[in-house]
Amino acid sequence: NTSYLQMTGLKPEDTAIYYCNTQHVDYLRRWY
């Protein structure tokens, strides 16, 4: 249950706070 972000060739403009996210849909097709 894990995602990875392989980042190479990093540039100063890549400086940021990085947030991971999961998207879900329930039985009524509502997204979370």
Full PDB file with SEQRES, HELIX, SHEET, SSBOND, CRYST1, ORIGX, SCALE, CONECT and MASTER records, all heavy atoms in Angstrom:
SEQRES   1 A   32  ASN THR SER TYR LEU GLN MET THR GLY LEU LYS PRO GLU          
SEQRES   2 A   32  ASP THR ALA ILE TYR TYR CYS ASN THR GLN HIS VAL ASP          
SEQRES   3 A   32  TYR LEU ARG ARG TRP TYR                                      
HELIX    1 AA1 PRO A   12  ASP A   14  5                                   3    
CRYST1    1.000    1.000    1.000  90.00  90.00  90.00 P 1           1          
ORIGX1      1.000000  0.000000  0.000000        0.00000                         
ORIGX2      0.000000  1.000000  0.000000        0.00000                         
ORIGX3      0.000000  0.000000  1.000000        0.00000                         
SCALE1      1.000000  0.000000  0.000000        0.00000                         
SCALE2      0.000000  1.000000  0.000000        0.00000                         
SCALE3      0.000000  0.000000  1.000000        0.00000                         
ATOM      1  N   ASN A   1       0.832  -1.206   0.000  1.00  0.00           N  
ATOM      2  CA  ASN A   1       0.000   0.000   0.000  1.00  0.00           C  
ATOM      3  C   ASN A   1       0.865   1.255   0.000  1.00  0.00           C  
ATOM      4  O   ASN A   1       0.621   2.200   0.760  1.00  0.00           O  
ATOM      5  CB  ASN A   1      -0.948  -0.005   1.198  1.00  0.00           C  
ATOM      6  CG  ASN A   1      -1.893  -1.175   1.175  1.00  0.00           C  
ATOM      7  OD1 ASN A   1      -2.557  -1.422   0.173  1.00  0.00           O  
ATOM      8  ND2 ASN A   1      -1.965  -1.909   2.284  1.00  0.00           N  
ATOM      9  N   THR A   2       1.842   1.255  -0.859  1.00  0.00           N  
ATOM     10  CA  THR A   2       2.836   2.314  -0.874  1.00  0.00           C  
ATOM     11  C   THR A   2       3.082   2.802  -2.290  1.00  0.00           C  
ATOM     12  O   THR A   2       3.141   2.000  -3.231  1.00  0.00           O  
ATOM     13  CB  THR A   2       4.158   1.817  -0.262  1.00  0.00           C  
ATOM     14  OG1 THR A   2       3.933   1.424   1.097  1.00  0.00           O  
ATOM     15  CG2 THR A   2       5.221   2.901  -0.284  1.00  0.00           C  
ATOM     16  N   SER A   3       3.216   4.103  -2.442  1.00  0.00           N  
ATOM     17  CA  SER A   3       3.640   4.690  -3.695  1.00  0.00           C  
ATOM     18  C   SER A   3       5.026   5.282  -3.528  1.00  0.00           C  
ATOM     19  O   SER A   3       5.454   5.623  -2.418  1.00  0.00           O  
ATOM     20  CB  SER A   3       2.666   5.757  -4.181  1.00  0.00           C  
ATOM     21  OG  SER A   3       2.686   6.898  -3.336  1.00  0.00           O  
ATOM     22  N   TYR A   4       5.714   5.411  -4.643  1.00  0.00           N  
ATOM     23  CA  TYR A   4       7.063   5.940  -4.658  1.00  0.00           C  
ATOM     24  C   TYR A   4       7.167   6.977  -5.770  1.00  0.00           C  
ATOM     25  O   TYR A   4       6.549   6.839  -6.827  1.00  0.00           O  
ATOM     26  CB  TYR A   4       8.094   4.841  -4.909  1.00  0.00           C  
ATOM     27  CG  TYR A   4       8.017   3.689  -3.945  1.00  0.00           C  
ATOM     28  CD1 TYR A   4       7.174   2.605  -4.191  1.00  0.00           C  
ATOM     29  CD2 TYR A   4       8.784   3.677  -2.782  1.00  0.00           C  
ATOM     30  CE1 TYR A   4       7.099   1.544  -3.308  1.00  0.00           C  
ATOM     31  CE2 TYR A   4       8.712   2.617  -1.898  1.00  0.00           C  
ATOM     32  CZ  TYR A   4       7.874   1.555  -2.161  1.00  0.00           C  
ATOM     33  OH  TYR A   4       7.802   0.503  -1.278  1.00  0.00           O  
ATOM     34  N   LEU A   5       7.967   7.976  -5.528  1.00  0.00           N  
ATOM     35  CA  LEU A   5       8.245   8.976  -6.546  1.00  0.00           C  
ATOM     36  C   LEU A   5       9.750   9.030  -6.753  1.00  0.00           C  
ATOM     37  O   LEU A   5      10.477   9.620  -5.952  1.00  0.00           O  
ATOM     38  CB  LEU A   5       7.712  10.350  -6.140  1.00  0.00           C  
ATOM     39  CG  LEU A   5       7.877  11.454  -7.190  1.00  0.00           C  
ATOM     40  CD1 LEU A   5       7.046  11.150  -8.431  1.00  0.00           C  
ATOM     41  CD2 LEU A   5       7.509  12.810  -6.612  1.00  0.00           C  
ATOM     42  N   GLN A   6      10.208   8.391  -7.816  1.00  0.00           N  
ATOM     43  CA  GLN A   6      11.626   8.409  -8.147  1.00  0.00           C  
ATOM     44  C   GLN A   6      11.934   9.702  -8.882  1.00  0.00           C  
ATOM     45  O   GLN A   6      11.415   9.935  -9.973  1.00  0.00           O  
ATOM     46  CB  GLN A   6      11.993   7.210  -9.014  1.00  0.00           C  
ATOM     47  CG  GLN A   6      13.454   7.180  -9.447  1.00  0.00           C  
ATOM     48  CD  GLN A   6      14.394   6.975  -8.283  1.00  0.00           C  
ATOM     49  OE1 GLN A   6      14.321   5.954  -7.598  1.00  0.00           O  
ATOM     50  NE2 GLN A   6      15.271   7.942  -8.039  1.00  0.00           N  
ATOM     51  N   MET A   7      12.759  10.522  -8.288  1.00  0.00           N  
ATOM     52  CA  MET A   7      13.111  11.817  -8.847  1.00  0.00           C  
ATOM     53  C   MET A   7      14.592  11.816  -9.175  1.00  0.00           C  
ATOM     54  O   MET A   7      15.425  11.579  -8.301  1.00  0.00           O  
ATOM     55  CB  MET A   7      12.789  12.944  -7.873  1.00  0.00           C  
ATOM     56  CG  MET A   7      11.328  12.984  -7.443  1.00  0.00           C  
ATOM     57  SD  MET A   7      10.934  14.451  -6.446  1.00  0.00           S  
ATOM     58  CE  MET A   7      11.836  14.073  -4.944  1.00  0.00           C  
ATOM     59  N   THR A   8      14.900  12.082 -10.422  1.00  0.00           N  
ATOM     60  CA  THR A   8      16.279  12.188 -10.869  1.00  0.00           C  
ATOM     61  C   THR A   8      16.473  13.516 -11.568  1.00  0.00           C  
ATOM     62  O   THR A   8      15.519  14.175 -11.969  1.00  0.00           O  
ATOM     63  CB  THR A   8      16.658  11.042 -11.817  1.00  0.00           C  
ATOM     64  OG1 THR A   8      15.824  11.078 -12.985  1.00  0.00           O  
ATOM     65  CG2 THR A   8      16.489   9.692 -11.133  1.00  0.00           C  
ATOM     66  N   GLY A   9      17.723  13.888 -11.734  1.00  0.00           N  
ATOM     67  CA  GLY A   9      18.020  15.140 -12.401  1.00  0.00           C  
ATOM     68  C   GLY A   9      17.343  16.329 -11.745  1.00  0.00           C  
ATOM     69  O   GLY A   9      16.819  17.210 -12.433  1.00  0.00           O  
ATOM     70  N   LEU A  10      17.364  16.350 -10.437  1.00  0.00           N  
ATOM     71  CA  LEU A  10      16.648  17.396  -9.706  1.00  0.00           C  
ATOM     72  C   LEU A  10      17.222  18.773  -9.997  1.00  0.00           C  
ATOM     73  O   LEU A  10      18.430  18.939 -10.153  1.00  0.00           O  
ATOM     74  CB  LEU A  10      16.675  17.108  -8.213  1.00  0.00           C  
ATOM     75  CG  LEU A  10      15.710  16.003  -7.774  1.00  0.00           C  
ATOM     76  CD1 LEU A  10      16.088  15.480  -6.396  1.00  0.00           C  
ATOM     77  CD2 LEU A  10      14.276  16.530  -7.778  1.00  0.00           C  
ATOM     78  N   LYS A  11      16.325  19.727 -10.067  1.00  0.00           N  
ATOM     79  CA  LYS A  11      16.662  21.108 -10.344  1.00  0.00           C  
ATOM     80  C   LYS A  11      16.217  21.982  -9.179  1.00  0.00           C  
ATOM     81  O   LYS A  11      15.297  21.621  -8.452  1.00  0.00           O  
ATOM     82  CB  LYS A  11      15.955  21.584 -11.621  1.00  0.00           C  
ATOM     83  CG  LYS A  11      16.221  20.730 -12.842  1.00  0.00           C  
ATOM     84  CD  LYS A  11      15.351  21.189 -14.006  1.00  0.00           C  
ATOM     85  CE  LYS A  11      15.570  20.332 -15.233  1.00  0.00           C  
ATOM     86  NZ  LYS A  11      14.703  20.759 -16.360  1.00  0.00           N  
ATOM     87  N   PRO A  12      16.840  23.139  -9.009  1.00  0.00           N  
ATOM     88  CA  PRO A  12      16.390  24.031  -7.939  1.00  0.00           C  
ATOM     89  C   PRO A  12      14.901  24.349  -8.010  1.00  0.00           C  
ATOM     90  O   PRO A  12      14.259  24.502  -6.964  1.00  0.00           O  
ATOM     91  CB  PRO A  12      17.248  25.282  -8.133  1.00  0.00           C  
ATOM     92  CG  PRO A  12      18.510  24.756  -8.736  1.00  0.00           C  
ATOM     93  CD  PRO A  12      18.066  23.641  -9.651  1.00  0.00           C  
ATOM     94  N   GLU A  13      14.349  24.437  -9.205  1.00  0.00           N  
ATOM     95  CA  GLU A  13      12.937  24.731  -9.335  1.00  0.00           C  
ATOM     96  C   GLU A  13      12.031  23.588  -8.900  1.00  0.00           C  
ATOM     97  O   GLU A  13      10.814  23.752  -8.831  1.00  0.00           O  
ATOM     98  CB  GLU A  13      12.594  25.159 -10.769  1.00  0.00           C  
ATOM     99  CG  GLU A  13      13.107  24.216 -11.829  1.00  0.00           C  
ATOM    100  CD  GLU A  13      14.427  24.666 -12.431  1.00  0.00           C  
ATOM    101  OE1 GLU A  13      15.339  25.048 -11.667  1.00  0.00           O  
ATOM    102  OE2 GLU A  13      14.550  24.637 -13.674  1.00  0.00           O  
ATOM    103  N   ASP A  14      12.607  22.424  -8.612  1.00  0.00           N  
ATOM    104  CA  ASP A  14      11.839  21.329  -8.040  1.00  0.00           C  
ATOM    105  C   ASP A  14      11.630  21.491  -6.539  1.00  0.00           C  
ATOM    106  O   ASP A  14      10.885  20.713  -5.938  1.00  0.00           O  
ATOM    107  CB  ASP A  14      12.524  19.986  -8.302  1.00  0.00           C  
ATOM    108  CG  ASP A  14      12.562  19.621  -9.774  1.00  0.00           C  
ATOM    109  OD1 ASP A  14      11.552  19.824 -10.468  1.00  0.00           O  
ATOM    110  OD2 ASP A  14      13.612  19.114 -10.224  1.00  0.00           O  
ATOM    111  N   THR A  15      12.292  22.449  -5.947  1.00  0.00           N  
ATOM    112  CA  THR A  15      12.152  22.676  -4.515  1.00  0.00           C  
ATOM    113  C   THR A  15      10.699  22.964  -4.171  1.00  0.00           C  
ATOM    114  O   THR A  15      10.084  23.865  -4.738  1.00  0.00           O  
ATOM    115  CB  THR A  15      13.044  23.834  -4.065  1.00  0.00           C  
ATOM    116  OG1 THR A  15      14.414  23.471  -4.245  1.00  0.00           O  
ATOM    117  CG2 THR A  15      12.808  24.164  -2.596  1.00  0.00           C  
ATOM    118  N   ALA A  16      10.165  22.196  -3.245  1.00  0.00           N  
ATOM    119  CA  ALA A  16       8.754  22.314  -2.882  1.00  0.00           C  
ATOM    120  C   ALA A  16       8.460  21.377  -1.730  1.00  0.00           C  
ATOM    121  O   ALA A  16       9.277  20.523  -1.374  1.00  0.00           O  
ATOM    122  CB  ALA A  16       7.855  21.955  -4.072  1.00  0.00           C  
ATOM    123  N   ILE A  17       7.282  21.538  -1.170  1.00  0.00           N  
ATOM    124  CA  ILE A  17       6.744  20.522  -0.295  1.00  0.00           C  
ATOM    125  C   ILE A  17       5.985  19.535  -1.173  1.00  0.00           C  
ATOM    126  O   ILE A  17       5.116  19.938  -1.961  1.00  0.00           O  
ATOM    127  CB  ILE A  17       5.815  21.106   0.779  1.00  0.00           C  
ATOM    128  CG1 ILE A  17       6.569  22.105   1.651  1.00  0.00           C  
ATOM    129  CG2 ILE A  17       5.235  19.999   1.649  1.00  0.00           C  
ATOM    130  CD1 ILE A  17       5.685  22.834   2.639  1.00  0.00           C  
ATOM    131  N   TYR A  18       6.312  18.279  -1.041  1.00  0.00           N  
ATOM    132  CA  TYR A  18       5.687  17.234  -1.836  1.00  0.00           C  
ATOM    133  C   TYR A  18       4.660  16.501  -0.986  1.00  0.00           C  
ATOM    134  O   TYR A  18       4.956  16.051   0.123  1.00  0.00           O  
ATOM    135  CB  TYR A  18       6.742  16.258  -2.360  1.00  0.00           C  
ATOM    136  CG  TYR A  18       7.527  16.823  -3.513  1.00  0.00           C  
ATOM    137  CD1 TYR A  18       8.431  17.865  -3.321  1.00  0.00           C  
ATOM    138  CD2 TYR A  18       7.357  16.332  -4.810  1.00  0.00           C  
ATOM    139  CE1 TYR A  18       9.132  18.403  -4.376  1.00  0.00           C  
ATOM    140  CE2 TYR A  18       8.060  16.864  -5.870  1.00  0.00           C  
ATOM    141  CZ  TYR A  18       8.949  17.903  -5.650  1.00  0.00           C  
ATOM    142  OH  TYR A  18       9.654  18.435  -6.707  1.00  0.00           O  
ATOM    143  N   TYR A  19       3.455  16.395  -1.521  1.00  0.00           N  
ATOM    144  CA  TYR A  19       2.349  15.757  -0.829  1.00  0.00           C  
ATOM    145  C   TYR A  19       1.901  14.520  -1.593  1.00  0.00           C  
ATOM    146  O   TYR A  19       1.702  14.577  -2.808  1.00  0.00           O  
ATOM    147  CB  TYR A  19       1.152  16.699  -0.720  1.00  0.00           C  
ATOM    148  CG  TYR A  19       1.405  17.954   0.067  1.00  0.00           C  
ATOM    149  CD1 TYR A  19       1.832  19.120  -0.558  1.00  0.00           C  
ATOM    150  CD2 TYR A  19       1.206  17.983   1.442  1.00  0.00           C  
ATOM    151  CE1 TYR A  19       2.060  20.280   0.158  1.00  0.00           C  
ATOM    152  CE2 TYR A  19       1.428  19.143   2.172  1.00  0.00           C  
ATOM    153  CZ  TYR A  19       1.854  20.284   1.523  1.00  0.00           C  
ATOM    154  OH  TYR A  19       2.073  21.434   2.240  1.00  0.00           O  
ATOM    155  N   CYS A  20       1.725  13.429  -0.887  1.00  0.00           N  
ATOM    156  CA  CYS A  20       1.134  12.275  -1.535  1.00  0.00           C  
ATOM    157  C   CYS A  20      -0.367  12.276  -1.315  1.00  0.00           C  
ATOM    158  O   CYS A  20      -0.891  12.933  -0.410  1.00  0.00           O  
ATOM    159  CB  CYS A  20       1.773  10.963  -1.067  1.00  0.00           C  
ATOM    160  SG  CYS A  20       1.377  10.447   0.612  1.00  0.00           S  
ATOM    161  N   ASN A  21      -1.041  11.532  -2.146  1.00  0.00           N  
ATOM    162  CA  ASN A  21      -2.491  11.581  -2.227  1.00  0.00           C  
ATOM    163  C   ASN A  21      -3.015  10.221  -2.654  1.00  0.00           C  
ATOM    164  O   ASN A  21      -2.361   9.493  -3.403  1.00  0.00           O  
ATOM    165  CB  ASN A  21      -2.885  12.670  -3.241  1.00  0.00           C  
ATOM    166  CG  ASN A  21      -4.243  12.471  -3.865  1.00  0.00           C  
ATOM    167  OD1 ASN A  21      -4.366  11.769  -4.882  1.00  0.00           O  
ATOM    168  ND2 ASN A  21      -5.258  13.086  -3.284  1.00  0.00           N  
ATOM    169  N   THR A  22      -4.189   9.884  -2.141  1.00  0.00           N  
ATOM    170  CA  THR A  22      -4.934   8.755  -2.669  1.00  0.00           C  
ATOM    171  C   THR A  22      -6.334   9.215  -3.034  1.00  0.00           C  
ATOM    172  O   THR A  22      -6.915  10.064  -2.352  1.00  0.00           O  
ATOM    173  CB  THR A  22      -5.027   7.580  -1.679  1.00  0.00           C  
ATOM    174  OG1 THR A  22      -5.617   8.021  -0.450  1.00  0.00           O  
ATOM    175  CG2 THR A  22      -3.659   6.986  -1.408  1.00  0.00           C  
ATOM    176  N   GLN A  23      -6.850   8.663  -4.101  1.00  0.00           N  
ATOM    177  CA  GLN A  23      -8.193   8.982  -4.555  1.00  0.00           C  
ATOM    178  C   GLN A  23      -9.055   7.729  -4.474  1.00  0.00           C  
ATOM    179  O   GLN A  23      -8.608   6.631  -4.825  1.00  0.00           O  
ATOM    180  CB  GLN A  23      -8.177   9.520  -5.979  1.00  0.00           C  
ATOM    181  CG  GLN A  23      -9.516  10.051  -6.440  1.00  0.00           C  
ATOM    182  CD  GLN A  23      -9.450  10.685  -7.813  1.00  0.00           C  
ATOM    183  OE1 GLN A  23      -8.962  10.069  -8.764  1.00  0.00           O  
ATOM    184  NE2 GLN A  23      -9.928  11.917  -7.914  1.00  0.00           N  
ATOM    185  N   HIS A  24     -10.294   7.927  -4.040  1.00  0.00           N  
ATOM    186  CA  HIS A  24     -11.196   6.825  -3.779  1.00  0.00           C  
ATOM    187  C   HIS A  24     -12.567   7.121  -4.376  1.00  0.00           C  
ATOM    188  O   HIS A  24     -12.954   8.284  -4.517  1.00  0.00           O  
ATOM    189  CB  HIS A  24     -11.377   6.618  -2.267  1.00  0.00           C  
ATOM    190  CG  HIS A  24     -10.100   6.551  -1.510  1.00  0.00           C  
ATOM    191  ND1 HIS A  24      -9.640   5.383  -0.949  1.00  0.00           N  
ATOM    192  CD2 HIS A  24      -9.184   7.512  -1.224  1.00  0.00           C  
ATOM    193  CE1 HIS A  24      -8.490   5.633  -0.346  1.00  0.00           C  
ATOM    194  NE2 HIS A  24      -8.192   6.902  -0.500  1.00  0.00           N  
ATOM    195  N   VAL A  25     -13.302   6.066  -4.696  1.00  0.00           N  
ATOM    196  CA  VAL A  25     -14.683   6.206  -5.117  1.00  0.00           C  
ATOM    197  C   VAL A  25     -15.514   5.181  -4.364  1.00  0.00           C  
ATOM    198  O   VAL A  25     -15.105   4.021  -4.234  1.00  0.00           O  
ATOM    199  CB  VAL A  25     -14.830   6.048  -6.643  1.00  0.00           C  
ATOM    200  CG1 VAL A  25     -14.376   4.671  -7.119  1.00  0.00           C  
ATOM    201  CG2 VAL A  25     -16.258   6.333  -7.074  1.00  0.00           C  
ATOM    202  N   ASP A  26     -16.661   5.597  -3.849  1.00  0.00           N  
ATOM    203  CA  ASP A  26     -17.494   4.681  -3.090  1.00  0.00           C  
ATOM    204  C   ASP A  26     -18.604   4.094  -3.960  1.00  0.00           C  
ATOM    205  O   ASP A  26     -18.668   4.333  -5.168  1.00  0.00           O  
ATOM    206  CB  ASP A  26     -18.045   5.358  -1.829  1.00  0.00           C  
ATOM    207  CG  ASP A  26     -19.057   6.461  -2.115  1.00  0.00           C  
ATOM    208  OD1 ASP A  26     -19.549   6.574  -3.264  1.00  0.00           O  
ATOM    209  OD2 ASP A  26     -19.368   7.219  -1.182  1.00  0.00           O  
ATOM    210  N   TYR A  27     -19.485   3.341  -3.333  1.00  0.00           N  
ATOM    211  CA  TYR A  27     -20.514   2.623  -4.083  1.00  0.00           C  
ATOM    212  C   TYR A  27     -21.556   3.543  -4.708  1.00  0.00           C  
ATOM    213  O   TYR A  27     -22.289   3.118  -5.606  1.00  0.00           O  
ATOM    214  CB  TYR A  27     -21.193   1.598  -3.178  1.00  0.00           C  
ATOM    215  CG  TYR A  27     -21.970   2.187  -2.024  1.00  0.00           C  
ATOM    216  CD1 TYR A  27     -23.344   2.352  -2.103  1.00  0.00           C  
ATOM    217  CD2 TYR A  27     -21.325   2.564  -0.850  1.00  0.00           C  
ATOM    218  CE1 TYR A  27     -24.053   2.880  -1.043  1.00  0.00           C  
ATOM    219  CE2 TYR A  27     -22.029   3.097   0.205  1.00  0.00           C  
ATOM    220  CZ  TYR A  27     -23.398   3.259   0.106  1.00  0.00           C  
ATOM    221  OH  TYR A  27     -24.095   3.791   1.168  1.00  0.00           O  
ATOM    222  N   LEU A  28     -21.630   4.785  -4.264  1.00  0.00           N  
ATOM    223  CA  LEU A  28     -22.488   5.784  -4.880  1.00  0.00           C  
ATOM    224  C   LEU A  28     -21.729   6.659  -5.871  1.00  0.00           C  
ATOM    225  O   LEU A  28     -22.254   7.677  -6.324  1.00  0.00           O  
ATOM    226  CB  LEU A  28     -23.132   6.650  -3.799  1.00  0.00           C  
ATOM    227  CG  LEU A  28     -24.112   5.932  -2.880  1.00  0.00           C  
ATOM    228  CD1 LEU A  28     -24.608   6.881  -1.794  1.00  0.00           C  
ATOM    229  CD2 LEU A  28     -25.288   5.365  -3.670  1.00  0.00           C  
ATOM    230  N   ARG A  29     -20.527   6.259  -6.206  1.00  0.00           N  
ATOM    231  CA  ARG A  29     -19.672   6.957  -7.151  1.00  0.00           C  
ATOM    232  C   ARG A  29     -19.323   8.367  -6.681  1.00  0.00           C  
ATOM    233  O   ARG A  29     -19.172   9.285  -7.485  1.00  0.00           O  
ATOM    234  CB  ARG A  29     -20.286   6.974  -8.546  1.00  0.00           C  
ATOM    235  CG  ARG A  29     -20.622   5.576  -9.067  1.00  0.00           C  
ATOM    236  CD  ARG A  29     -21.010   5.569 -10.522  1.00  0.00           C  
ATOM    237  NE  ARG A  29     -19.843   5.660 -11.378  1.00  0.00           N  
ATOM    238  CZ  ARG A  29     -19.515   6.724 -12.094  1.00  0.00           C  
ATOM    239  NH1 ARG A  29     -20.295   7.814 -12.069  1.00  0.00           N  
ATOM    240  NH2 ARG A  29     -18.441   6.710 -12.851  1.00  0.00           N  
ATOM    241  N   ARG A  30     -19.201   8.502  -5.391  1.00  0.00           N  
ATOM    242  CA  ARG A  30     -18.709   9.734  -4.815  1.00  0.00           C  
ATOM    243  C   ARG A  30     -17.209   9.611  -4.626  1.00  0.00           C  
ATOM    244  O   ARG A  30     -16.716   8.581  -4.159  1.00  0.00           O  
ATOM    245  CB  ARG A  30     -19.391  10.019  -3.480  1.00  0.00           C  
ATOM    246  CG  ARG A  30     -20.897  10.201  -3.595  1.00  0.00           C  
ATOM    247  CD  ARG A  30     -21.554  10.372  -2.237  1.00  0.00           C  
ATOM    248  NE  ARG A  30     -21.399   9.186  -1.411  1.00  0.00           N  
ATOM    249  CZ  ARG A  30     -22.060   8.975  -0.284  1.00  0.00           C  
ATOM    250  NH1 ARG A  30     -22.942   9.873   0.155  1.00  0.00           N  
ATOM    251  NH2 ARG A  30     -21.849   7.873   0.413  1.00  0.00           N  
ATOM    252  N   TRP A  31     -16.487  10.647  -4.954  1.00  0.00           N  
ATOM    253  CA  TRP A  31     -15.041  10.612  -4.929  1.00  0.00           C  
ATOM    254  C   TRP A  31     -14.487  11.291  -3.682  1.00  0.00           C  
ATOM    255  O   TRP A  31     -14.996  12.324  -3.238  1.00  0.00           O  
ATOM    256  CB  TRP A  31     -14.474  11.274  -6.183  1.00  0.00           C  
ATOM    257  CG  TRP A  31     -14.759  10.466  -7.408  1.00  0.00           C  
ATOM    258  CD1 TRP A  31     -15.891  10.497  -8.166  1.00  0.00           C  
ATOM    259  CD2 TRP A  31     -13.902   9.482  -7.988  1.00  0.00           C  
ATOM    260  NE1 TRP A  31     -15.802   9.592  -9.201  1.00  0.00           N  
ATOM    261  CE2 TRP A  31     -14.587   8.962  -9.116  1.00  0.00           C  
ATOM    262  CE3 TRP A  31     -12.635   8.998  -7.690  1.00  0.00           C  
ATOM    263  CZ2 TRP A  31     -14.031   7.975  -9.927  1.00  0.00           C  
ATOM    264  CZ3 TRP A  31     -12.084   8.016  -8.495  1.00  0.00           C  
ATOM    265  CH2 TRP A  31     -12.785   7.518  -9.602  1.00  0.00           C  
ATOM    266  N   TYR A  32     -13.435  10.713  -3.152  1.00  0.00           N  
ATOM    267  CA  TYR A  32     -12.796  11.209  -1.955  1.00  0.00           C  
ATOM    268  C   TYR A  32     -11.286  11.221  -2.154  1.00  0.00           C  
ATOM    269  O   TYR A  32     -10.737  10.378  -2.868  1.00  0.00           O  
ATOM    270  CB  TYR A  32     -13.127  10.335  -0.739  1.00  0.00           C  
ATOM    271  CG  TYR A  32     -14.601  10.222  -0.452  1.00  0.00           C  
ATOM    272  CD1 TYR A  32     -15.377   9.234  -1.066  1.00  0.00           C  
ATOM    273  CD2 TYR A  32     -15.219  11.098   0.433  1.00  0.00           C  
ATOM    274  CE1 TYR A  32     -16.732   9.127  -0.805  1.00  0.00           C  
ATOM    275  CE2 TYR A  32     -16.574  10.988   0.706  1.00  0.00           C  
ATOM    276  CZ  TYR A  32     -17.322  10.004   0.079  1.00  0.00           C  
ATOM    277  OH  TYR A  32     -18.665   9.901   0.349  1.00  0.00           O  
TER     278      TYR A  32                                                      
MASTER        0    0    0    1    0    0    0    6  277    1    0    3          
END                                                                             
